[in-house]
C-alpha cells in the first residue's frame, strides 16, 4: 500500500516498531479511530521541515498534537514555542532519533 510521500510500507513499519511512544512528548499513541481523541493518534513525523519527505531515515512517529503544533517549523525553532515549553519538549527530552537528526541536520550541539 502506498502513501503520498513515497515511503515504503516496510520502512514505515520499522519506524513504528522503534517509536512506541511520541518521540517528542513521550505519550502513548493510538491508531486513528473514532473512539480515540485525535491528539493521541500516531502520525508520521517528517523530521525535515521541507520536502523531499521520502527518506525513511528522516521520519519518526509522533502524536498528532505534537505534529500539528510543529507544522513546517524546524525542530529547533519549534522547541522555542509555548507548546514545547508547556510540555517540557527540548533537545534533552526528545527520543534518540530526533536528537540524532537535529545534531546532523540542524547543527544542534555545534
N, C-alpha and C. Protein backbone atom coordinates (compact mmCIF):
# COMPACT_ATOMS: atom_id res chain seq x y z
N UNK A 1 0.84 -1.18 0.00
CA UNK A 1 0.00 0.00 0.00
C UNK A 1 0.88 1.24 0.00
N UNK A 2 0.64 2.16 -0.87
CA UNK A 2 1.44 3.36 -0.99
C UNK A 2 1.00 4.46 -0.05
N UNK A 3 1.77 5.51 -0.01
CA UNK A 3 1.41 6.68 0.76
C UNK A 3 1.81 7.91 -0.04
N UNK A 4 1.33 9.07 0.32
CA UNK A 4 1.59 10.25 -0.51
C UNK A 4 3.04 10.72 -0.49
N UNK A 5 3.89 10.15 0.37
CA UNK A 5 5.27 10.61 0.48
C UNK A 5 6.26 9.72 -0.25
N UNK A 6 5.81 8.59 -0.76
CA UNK A 6 6.71 7.68 -1.46
C UNK A 6 7.52 6.79 -0.53
N UNK A 7 7.12 6.71 0.73
CA UNK A 7 7.80 5.84 1.67
C UNK A 7 7.30 4.40 1.51
N UNK A 8 8.21 3.46 1.63
CA UNK A 8 7.81 2.05 1.56
C UNK A 8 7.15 1.65 2.88
N UNK A 9 6.12 0.82 2.79
CA UNK A 9 5.41 0.38 3.99
C UNK A 9 6.33 -0.36 4.96
N UNK A 10 7.28 -1.12 4.44
CA UNK A 10 8.18 -1.83 5.35
C UNK A 10 9.08 -0.88 6.12
N UNK A 11 9.44 0.27 5.51
CA UNK A 11 10.23 1.28 6.22
C UNK A 11 9.38 1.93 7.31
N UNK A 12 8.14 2.22 6.99
CA UNK A 12 7.24 2.81 7.99
C UNK A 12 7.02 1.83 9.13
N UNK A 13 6.86 0.55 8.82
CA UNK A 13 6.67 -0.46 9.86
C UNK A 13 7.87 -0.53 10.80
N UNK A 14 9.08 -0.41 10.27
CA UNK A 14 10.29 -0.42 11.10
C UNK A 14 10.29 0.77 12.06
N UNK A 15 9.90 1.94 11.55
CA UNK A 15 9.87 3.13 12.38
C UNK A 15 8.78 3.00 13.45
N UNK A 16 7.63 2.47 13.08
CA UNK A 16 6.56 2.25 14.07
C UNK A 16 6.99 1.26 15.16
N UNK A 17 7.77 0.26 14.79
CA UNK A 17 8.26 -0.70 15.78
C UNK A 17 9.26 -0.04 16.73
N UNK A 18 10.02 0.90 16.22
CA UNK A 18 11.01 1.62 17.04
C UNK A 18 10.34 2.65 17.95
N UNK A 19 9.41 3.41 17.40
CA UNK A 19 8.81 4.54 18.12
C UNK A 19 7.46 4.13 18.71
N UNK A 20 7.48 3.59 19.89
CA UNK A 20 6.26 3.10 20.54
C UNK A 20 5.48 4.22 21.24
N UNK A 21 6.18 5.29 21.62
CA UNK A 21 5.54 6.47 22.21
C UNK A 21 5.98 7.67 21.39
N UNK A 22 5.31 8.79 21.57
CA UNK A 22 5.66 10.00 20.81
C UNK A 22 7.13 10.36 21.02
N UNK A 23 7.85 10.61 19.94
CA UNK A 23 9.27 10.92 20.03
C UNK A 23 9.54 12.27 20.68
N UNK A 24 8.51 13.08 20.84
CA UNK A 24 8.66 14.39 21.47
C UNK A 24 8.15 14.41 22.91
N UNK A 25 6.87 14.14 23.11
CA UNK A 25 6.25 14.27 24.45
C UNK A 25 6.16 12.95 25.19
N UNK A 26 6.47 11.85 24.53
CA UNK A 26 6.54 10.50 25.11
C UNK A 26 5.20 9.93 25.56
N UNK A 27 4.09 10.49 25.08
CA UNK A 27 2.81 9.91 25.48
C UNK A 27 2.48 8.71 24.60
N UNK A 28 1.64 7.84 25.14
CA UNK A 28 1.16 6.68 24.40
C UNK A 28 0.31 7.17 23.23
N UNK A 29 0.46 6.54 22.08
CA UNK A 29 -0.30 6.91 20.90
C UNK A 29 -1.16 5.74 20.46
N UNK A 30 -2.17 6.04 19.65
CA UNK A 30 -3.10 5.02 19.21
C UNK A 30 -3.36 5.16 17.71
N UNK A 31 -3.83 4.07 17.11
CA UNK A 31 -4.23 4.12 15.70
C UNK A 31 -5.44 5.05 15.60
N UNK A 32 -5.53 5.80 14.52
CA UNK A 32 -6.69 6.67 14.34
C UNK A 32 -8.00 5.90 14.38
N UNK A 33 -8.93 6.39 15.18
CA UNK A 33 -10.26 5.80 15.26
C UNK A 33 -11.21 6.82 15.86
N UNK A 34 -12.49 6.57 15.73
CA UNK A 34 -13.50 7.47 16.29
C UNK A 34 -13.50 7.43 17.81
N UNK A 35 -12.99 6.36 18.40
CA UNK A 35 -13.01 6.20 19.85
C UNK A 35 -11.84 6.91 20.54
N UNK A 36 -10.85 7.34 19.78
CA UNK A 36 -9.64 7.93 20.35
C UNK A 36 -9.55 9.40 19.96
N UNK A 37 -9.23 10.26 20.95
CA UNK A 37 -9.04 11.68 20.69
C UNK A 37 -7.95 11.86 19.63
N UNK A 38 -8.23 12.70 18.67
CA UNK A 38 -7.33 12.90 17.53
C UNK A 38 -5.90 13.27 17.97
N UNK A 39 -5.75 14.02 19.03
CA UNK A 39 -4.43 14.42 19.50
C UNK A 39 -3.57 13.26 19.95
N UNK A 40 -4.18 12.11 20.23
CA UNK A 40 -3.44 10.92 20.64
C UNK A 40 -3.15 9.96 19.49
N UNK A 41 -3.54 10.32 18.29
CA UNK A 41 -3.28 9.46 17.14
C UNK A 41 -1.79 9.43 16.83
N UNK A 42 -1.29 8.27 16.44
CA UNK A 42 0.08 8.13 15.97
C UNK A 42 0.16 8.64 14.54
N UNK A 43 1.13 9.52 14.27
CA UNK A 43 1.29 10.09 12.93
C UNK A 43 2.73 9.98 12.47
N UNK A 44 2.92 9.98 11.18
CA UNK A 44 4.27 10.02 10.62
C UNK A 44 4.78 11.45 10.73
N UNK A 45 5.95 11.59 11.35
CA UNK A 45 6.58 12.90 11.52
C UNK A 45 7.77 12.98 10.59
N UNK A 46 7.79 13.99 9.75
CA UNK A 46 8.93 14.23 8.88
C UNK A 46 9.87 15.18 9.63
N UNK A 47 11.00 14.67 10.04
CA UNK A 47 11.91 15.48 10.83
C UNK A 47 12.43 16.66 10.03
N UNK A 48 12.61 16.48 8.72
CA UNK A 48 12.97 17.59 7.87
C UNK A 48 11.70 18.41 7.60
N UNK A 49 11.79 19.72 7.73
CA UNK A 49 10.59 20.55 7.63
C UNK A 49 10.19 20.89 6.20
N UNK A 50 11.04 20.59 5.24
CA UNK A 50 10.73 20.85 3.83
C UNK A 50 10.97 19.57 3.03
N UNK A 51 10.27 19.42 1.89
CA UNK A 51 10.47 18.23 1.05
C UNK A 51 11.92 18.12 0.59
N UNK A 52 12.34 16.94 0.17
CA UNK A 52 11.56 15.73 -0.04
C UNK A 52 11.30 15.01 1.28
N UNK A 53 10.20 14.26 1.32
CA UNK A 53 9.78 13.54 2.51
C UNK A 53 9.77 12.04 2.28
N UNK A 54 10.62 11.55 1.37
CA UNK A 54 10.61 10.13 1.03
C UNK A 54 11.79 9.36 1.63
N UNK A 55 12.48 9.95 2.58
CA UNK A 55 13.65 9.32 3.17
C UNK A 55 13.26 8.66 4.50
N UNK A 56 13.32 7.33 4.59
CA UNK A 56 12.93 6.66 5.82
C UNK A 56 13.83 6.99 7.01
N UNK A 57 15.02 7.52 6.74
CA UNK A 57 15.93 7.90 7.82
C UNK A 57 15.57 9.24 8.47
N UNK A 58 14.61 9.95 7.87
CA UNK A 58 14.24 11.25 8.42
C UNK A 58 12.76 11.27 8.81
N UNK A 59 12.24 10.11 9.21
CA UNK A 59 10.87 10.07 9.73
C UNK A 59 10.88 9.45 11.12
N UNK A 60 9.85 9.78 11.87
CA UNK A 60 9.63 9.23 13.20
C UNK A 60 8.13 9.15 13.39
N UNK A 61 7.72 8.62 14.51
CA UNK A 61 6.29 8.56 14.83
C UNK A 61 6.06 9.48 16.03
N UNK A 62 5.12 10.38 15.88
CA UNK A 62 4.77 11.27 16.98
C UNK A 62 3.26 11.41 17.06
N UNK A 63 2.80 11.95 18.17
CA UNK A 63 1.36 12.14 18.34
C UNK A 63 0.88 13.27 17.44
N UNK A 64 -0.37 13.23 17.14
CA UNK A 64 -0.97 14.24 16.28
C UNK A 64 -0.87 15.63 16.89
N UNK A 65 -0.93 15.73 18.21
CA UNK A 65 -0.81 17.03 18.87
C UNK A 65 0.54 17.67 18.58
N UNK A 66 1.62 16.92 18.77
CA UNK A 66 2.96 17.44 18.50
C UNK A 66 3.15 17.73 17.02
N UNK A 67 2.69 16.83 16.16
CA UNK A 67 2.83 17.00 14.72
C UNK A 67 2.11 18.27 14.25
N UNK A 68 0.90 18.48 14.74
CA UNK A 68 0.14 19.68 14.35
C UNK A 68 0.79 20.95 14.88
N UNK A 69 1.28 20.89 16.10
CA UNK A 69 1.92 22.07 16.69
C UNK A 69 3.17 22.47 15.91
N UNK A 70 3.97 21.50 15.54
CA UNK A 70 5.22 21.80 14.83
C UNK A 70 4.97 22.37 13.44
N UNK A 71 4.00 21.84 12.73
CA UNK A 71 3.74 22.35 11.38
C UNK A 71 4.98 22.24 10.52
N UNK A 72 5.37 23.34 9.85
CA UNK A 72 6.53 23.31 8.96
C UNK A 72 7.74 24.02 9.55
N UNK A 73 7.77 24.16 10.87
CA UNK A 73 8.93 24.78 11.54
C UNK A 73 10.08 23.78 11.62
N UNK A 74 11.30 24.29 11.68
CA UNK A 74 12.40 23.39 12.01
C UNK A 74 12.19 22.92 13.45
N UNK A 75 12.78 21.82 13.78
CA UNK A 75 12.60 21.29 15.13
C UNK A 75 13.16 22.27 16.17
N UNK A 76 14.36 22.79 15.91
CA UNK A 76 14.96 23.71 16.89
C UNK A 76 14.11 24.97 17.07
N UNK A 77 13.53 25.50 16.00
CA UNK A 77 12.65 26.66 16.15
C UNK A 77 11.39 26.29 16.91
N UNK A 78 10.85 25.12 16.64
CA UNK A 78 9.64 24.67 17.34
C UNK A 78 9.87 24.53 18.83
N UNK A 79 11.08 24.10 19.23
CA UNK A 79 11.39 23.96 20.65
C UNK A 79 11.18 25.26 21.42
N UNK A 80 11.23 26.40 20.75
CA UNK A 80 11.04 27.71 21.40
C UNK A 80 9.58 28.09 21.55
N UNK A 81 8.67 27.27 21.07
CA UNK A 81 7.25 27.60 21.12
C UNK A 81 6.67 27.39 22.52
N UNK A 82 5.56 28.03 22.79
CA UNK A 82 4.84 27.86 24.06
C UNK A 82 4.44 26.41 24.24
N UNK A 83 3.99 25.77 23.17
CA UNK A 83 3.59 24.36 23.23
C UNK A 83 4.72 23.52 23.81
N UNK A 84 5.93 23.67 23.28
CA UNK A 84 7.07 22.87 23.75
C UNK A 84 7.46 23.25 25.18
N UNK A 85 7.45 24.54 25.47
CA UNK A 85 7.79 24.97 26.83
C UNK A 85 6.81 24.37 27.84
N UNK A 86 5.52 24.41 27.51
CA UNK A 86 4.50 23.89 28.42
C UNK A 86 4.61 22.38 28.62
N UNK A 87 5.08 21.66 27.61
CA UNK A 87 5.15 20.20 27.68
C UNK A 87 6.56 19.67 28.00
N UNK A 88 7.52 20.59 28.19
CA UNK A 88 8.88 20.16 28.51
C UNK A 88 9.59 19.49 27.35
N UNK A 89 9.23 19.87 26.13
CA UNK A 89 9.86 19.31 24.93
C UNK A 89 11.07 20.16 24.58
N UNK A 90 12.25 19.55 24.58
CA UNK A 90 13.50 20.24 24.30
C UNK A 90 14.53 19.20 23.85
N UNK A 91 15.70 19.64 23.42
CA UNK A 91 16.68 18.66 22.91
C UNK A 91 17.06 17.57 23.92
N UNK A 92 17.05 17.89 25.19
CA UNK A 92 17.43 16.90 26.19
C UNK A 92 16.32 15.89 26.47
N UNK A 93 15.09 16.19 26.06
CA UNK A 93 13.96 15.35 26.41
C UNK A 93 13.44 14.48 25.27
N UNK A 94 13.87 14.74 24.04
CA UNK A 94 13.32 14.01 22.89
C UNK A 94 13.97 12.64 22.73
N UNK A 95 13.33 11.79 21.94
CA UNK A 95 13.84 10.45 21.67
C UNK A 95 15.12 10.52 20.83
N UNK A 96 15.90 9.46 20.90
CA UNK A 96 17.20 9.39 20.22
C UNK A 96 17.16 9.73 18.73
N UNK A 97 16.17 9.27 17.95
CA UNK A 97 16.16 9.61 16.53
C UNK A 97 16.04 11.11 16.27
N UNK A 98 15.29 11.80 17.11
CA UNK A 98 15.15 13.26 16.95
C UNK A 98 16.45 13.95 17.30
N UNK A 99 17.07 13.55 18.40
CA UNK A 99 18.34 14.14 18.80
C UNK A 99 19.41 13.92 17.73
N UNK A 100 19.47 12.72 17.18
CA UNK A 100 20.45 12.44 16.11
C UNK A 100 20.17 13.33 14.91
N UNK A 101 18.90 13.50 14.57
CA UNK A 101 18.54 14.33 13.42
C UNK A 101 18.96 15.78 13.64
N UNK A 102 18.63 16.37 14.79
CA UNK A 102 18.96 17.80 14.99
C UNK A 102 20.46 18.02 15.09
N UNK A 103 21.18 17.02 15.54
CA UNK A 103 22.64 17.14 15.56
C UNK A 103 23.20 17.13 14.14
N UNK A 104 22.70 16.21 13.32
CA UNK A 104 23.24 16.06 11.97
C UNK A 104 22.73 17.13 11.00
N UNK A 105 21.45 17.47 11.06
CA UNK A 105 20.86 18.32 10.03
C UNK A 105 20.55 19.75 10.47
N UNK A 106 20.41 19.98 11.77
CA UNK A 106 20.06 21.33 12.22
C UNK A 106 21.19 21.98 13.02
N UNK A 107 22.33 21.31 13.12
CA UNK A 107 23.51 21.91 13.75
C UNK A 107 23.45 22.01 15.27
N UNK A 108 22.57 21.25 15.90
CA UNK A 108 22.48 21.30 17.36
C UNK A 108 23.74 20.73 17.97
N UNK A 109 24.28 21.43 18.94
CA UNK A 109 25.47 20.96 19.64
C UNK A 109 26.78 21.41 19.01
N UNK A 110 26.71 22.16 17.92
CA UNK A 110 27.95 22.64 17.28
C UNK A 110 28.57 23.77 18.07
